[in-house]
């Protein structure tokens, strides 16, 4: 069972994060019966929240989270390699960065 804060390794073809043939760590932002929203992590494009390798067993190098939200189907998310929750304070920082803002 996946939960908000878990780091899943998903292919870019499933997230639409890029056209690359890449498996990318993504943090779960929200889970519903019809969609899982994830925040993909980039190892090459600097973003708002820098995360070291020790923040998750899914990370092989320093990377970044931005305000970047991608939908994934629940079956794809459930089938992904789940590395458990992102370490604090990064988990909280990514959630705050990606929180829905009133219009």
C-alpha atoms as a PDB file:
ATOM      1  CA  UNK A   1       0.000   0.000   0.000  1.00  0.00           C
ATOM      2  CA  UNK A   2       1.463   3.334  -1.017  1.00  0.00           C
ATOM      3  CA  UNK A   3       1.166   6.432   1.139  1.00  0.00           C
ATOM      4  CA  UNK A   4       1.798  10.160   0.878  1.00  0.00           C
ATOM      5  CA  UNK A   5       5.530  10.750   1.281  1.00  0.00           C
ATOM      6  CA  UNK A   6       6.634   7.402  -0.185  1.00  0.00           C
ATOM      7  CA  UNK A   7       9.355   7.472  -2.827  1.00  0.00           C
ATOM      8  CA  UNK A   8       8.438   5.369  -5.861  1.00  0.00           C
ATOM      9  CA  UNK A   9      10.725   4.657  -8.795  1.00  0.00           C
ATOM     10  CA  UNK A  10       8.644   5.251 -11.937  1.00  0.00           C
ATOM     11  CA  UNK A  11       9.458   5.345 -15.634  1.00  0.00           C
ATOM     12  CA  UNK A  12       9.104   8.688 -17.417  1.00  0.00           C
ATOM     13  CA  UNK A  13       6.730   7.016 -19.900  1.00  0.00           C
ATOM     14  CA  UNK A  14       4.303   6.441 -17.000  1.00  0.00           C
ATOM     15  CA  UNK A  15       4.613   9.910 -15.477  1.00  0.00           C
ATOM     16  CA  UNK A  16       5.078  11.971 -18.611  1.00  0.00           C
ATOM     17  CA  UNK A  17       7.922  13.718 -16.781  1.00  0.00           C
ATOM     18  CA  UNK A  18      10.050  13.711 -19.939  1.00  0.00           C
ATOM     19  CA  UNK A  19      10.528  11.878 -23.196  1.00  0.00           C
ATOM     20  CA  UNK A  20      13.628  10.174 -21.815  1.00  0.00           C
ATOM     21  CA  UNK A  21      13.907   6.432 -21.276  1.00  0.00           C
ATOM     22  CA  UNK A  22      14.545   6.996 -17.558  1.00  0.00           C
ATOM     23  CA  UNK A  23      13.448   5.465 -14.257  1.00  0.00           C
ATOM     24  CA  UNK A  24      13.063   8.379 -11.838  1.00  0.00           C
ATOM     25  CA  UNK A  25      12.414   8.639  -8.080  1.00  0.00           C
ATOM     26  CA  UNK A  26       9.083  10.360  -7.416  1.00  0.00           C
ATOM     27  CA  UNK A  27       7.513  11.305  -4.093  1.00  0.00           C
ATOM     28  CA  UNK A  28       3.811  10.585  -3.599  1.00  0.00           C
ATOM     29  CA  UNK A  29       1.839  13.791  -2.983  1.00  0.00           C
ATOM     30  CA  UNK A  30      -1.723  12.416  -3.001  1.00  0.00           C
ATOM     31  CA  UNK A  31      -3.530   9.101  -3.382  1.00  0.00           C
ATOM     32  CA  UNK A  32      -7.143   8.610  -4.473  1.00  0.00           C
ATOM     33  CA  UNK A  33      -9.025   5.661  -5.919  1.00  0.00           C
ATOM     34  CA  UNK A  34      -8.537   7.009  -9.458  1.00  0.00           C
ATOM     35  CA  UNK A  35      -5.145   8.740  -9.467  1.00  0.00           C
ATOM     36  CA  UNK A  36      -1.842   9.013  -7.625  1.00  0.00           C
ATOM     37  CA  UNK A  37      -0.122  12.403  -7.826  1.00  0.00           C
ATOM     38  CA  UNK A  38       3.668  12.306  -7.653  1.00  0.00           C
ATOM     39  CA  UNK A  39       6.481  14.851  -7.601  1.00  0.00           C
ATOM     40  CA  UNK A  40       9.264  13.651  -9.922  1.00  0.00           C
ATOM     41  CA  UNK A  41      12.849  14.272  -8.816  1.00  0.00           C
ATOM     42  CA  UNK A  42      15.507  15.563 -11.198  1.00  0.00           C
ATOM     43  CA  UNK A  43      19.172  14.768 -10.956  1.00  0.00           C
ATOM     44  CA  UNK A  44      20.144  17.324 -13.576  1.00  0.00           C
ATOM     45  CA  UNK A  45      17.767  20.308 -13.355  1.00  0.00           C
ATOM     46  CA  UNK A  46      18.184  22.384 -10.185  1.00  0.00           C
ATOM     47  CA  UNK A  47      14.965  22.954  -8.280  1.00  0.00           C
ATOM     48  CA  UNK A  48      13.633  24.426  -5.074  1.00  0.00           C
ATOM     49  CA  UNK A  49      14.488  21.538  -2.752  1.00  0.00           C
ATOM     50  CA  UNK A  50      17.891  19.867  -2.951  1.00  0.00           C
ATOM     51  CA  UNK A  51      17.887  16.314  -1.621  1.00  0.00           C
ATOM     52  CA  UNK A  52      21.030  14.346  -0.765  1.00  0.00           C
ATOM     53  CA  UNK A  53      21.533  10.664  -1.494  1.00  0.00           C
ATOM     54  CA  UNK A  54      20.841   9.786   2.144  1.00  0.00           C
ATOM     55  CA  UNK A  55      17.271  11.137   2.016  1.00  0.00           C
ATOM     56  CA  UNK A  56      16.014   7.922   0.329  1.00  0.00           C
ATOM     57  CA  UNK A  57      17.419   4.549  -0.672  1.00  0.00           C
ATOM     58  CA  UNK A  58      16.115   5.355  -4.185  1.00  0.00           C
ATOM     59  CA  UNK A  59      18.598   8.214  -4.613  1.00  0.00           C
ATOM     60  CA  UNK A  60      21.973   7.517  -6.229  1.00  0.00           C
ATOM     61  CA  UNK A  61      23.057  11.162  -6.507  1.00  0.00           C
ATOM     62  CA  UNK A  62      22.082  14.608  -5.272  1.00  0.00           C
ATOM     63  CA  UNK A  63      18.856  15.774  -6.917  1.00  0.00           C
ATOM     64  CA  UNK A  64      16.041  18.273  -6.743  1.00  0.00           C
ATOM     65  CA  UNK A  65      12.307  18.502  -6.282  1.00  0.00           C
ATOM     66  CA  UNK A  66      10.378  21.376  -7.829  1.00  0.00           C
ATOM     67  CA  UNK A  67       6.726  22.356  -7.943  1.00  0.00           C
ATOM     68  CA  UNK A  68       6.159  19.622 -10.495  1.00  0.00           C
ATOM     69  CA  UNK A  69       3.110  17.355 -10.143  1.00  0.00           C
ATOM     70  CA  UNK A  70       2.379  14.369 -12.392  1.00  0.00           C
ATOM     71  CA  UNK A  71      -0.615  11.983 -12.333  1.00  0.00           C
ATOM     72  CA  UNK A  72      -0.075   8.213 -12.389  1.00  0.00           C
ATOM     73  CA  UNK A  73      -2.644   5.431 -12.411  1.00  0.00           C
ATOM     74  CA  UNK A  74      -2.998   3.553  -9.103  1.00  0.00           C
ATOM     75  CA  UNK A  75      -2.011   0.172 -10.640  1.00  0.00           C
ATOM     76  CA  UNK A  76       1.231   1.674 -12.016  1.00  0.00           C
ATOM     77  CA  UNK A  77       2.016   3.301  -8.663  1.00  0.00           C
ATOM     78  CA  UNK A  78       1.278   0.091  -6.728  1.00  0.00           C
ATOM     79  CA  UNK A  79       3.557  -1.903  -9.065  1.00  0.00           C
ATOM     80  CA  UNK A  80       6.456   0.559  -8.649  1.00  0.00           C
ATOM     81  CA  UNK A  81       9.513  -0.082  -6.507  1.00  0.00           C
ATOM     82  CA  UNK A  82       8.564   1.619  -3.201  1.00  0.00           C
ATOM     83  CA  UNK A  83      11.462   2.897  -1.086  1.00  0.00           C
ATOM     84  CA  UNK A  84       9.282   4.093   1.795  1.00  0.00           C
ATOM     85  CA  UNK A  85       8.910   7.653   3.045  1.00  0.00           C
ATOM     86  CA  UNK A  86      11.304  10.426   2.096  1.00  0.00           C
ATOM     87  CA  UNK A  87      13.364  11.527   5.100  1.00  0.00           C
ATOM     88  CA  UNK A  88      12.481  14.710   6.971  1.00  0.00           C
ATOM     89  CA  UNK A  89      12.859  17.617   6.633  1.00  0.00           C
ATOM     90  CA  UNK A  90      12.649  16.984   2.866  1.00  0.00           C
ATOM     91  CA  UNK A  91       9.277  15.207   2.975  1.00  0.00           C
ATOM     92  CA  UNK A  92       7.614  18.168   4.667  1.00  0.00           C
ATOM     93  CA  UNK A  93       9.353  20.656   2.384  1.00  0.00           C
ATOM     94  CA  UNK A  94       8.173  18.867  -0.784  1.00  0.00           C
ATOM     95  CA  UNK A  95       4.600  18.671   0.561  1.00  0.00           C
ATOM     96  CA  UNK A  96       4.566  22.402   1.378  1.00  0.00           C
ATOM     97  CA  UNK A  97       6.087  23.304  -1.995  1.00  0.00           C
ATOM     98  CA  UNK A  98       3.465  21.247  -3.856  1.00  0.00           C
ATOM     99  CA  UNK A  99       0.447  22.157  -1.712  1.00  0.00           C
ATOM    100  CA  UNK A 100      -2.557  23.372  -3.631  1.00  0.00           C
ATOM    101  CA  UNK A 101      -2.805  27.139  -3.479  1.00  0.00           C
ATOM    102  CA  UNK A 102      -6.125  28.985  -3.502  1.00  0.00           C
ATOM    103  CA  UNK A 103      -6.888  30.742  -6.787  1.00  0.00           C
END
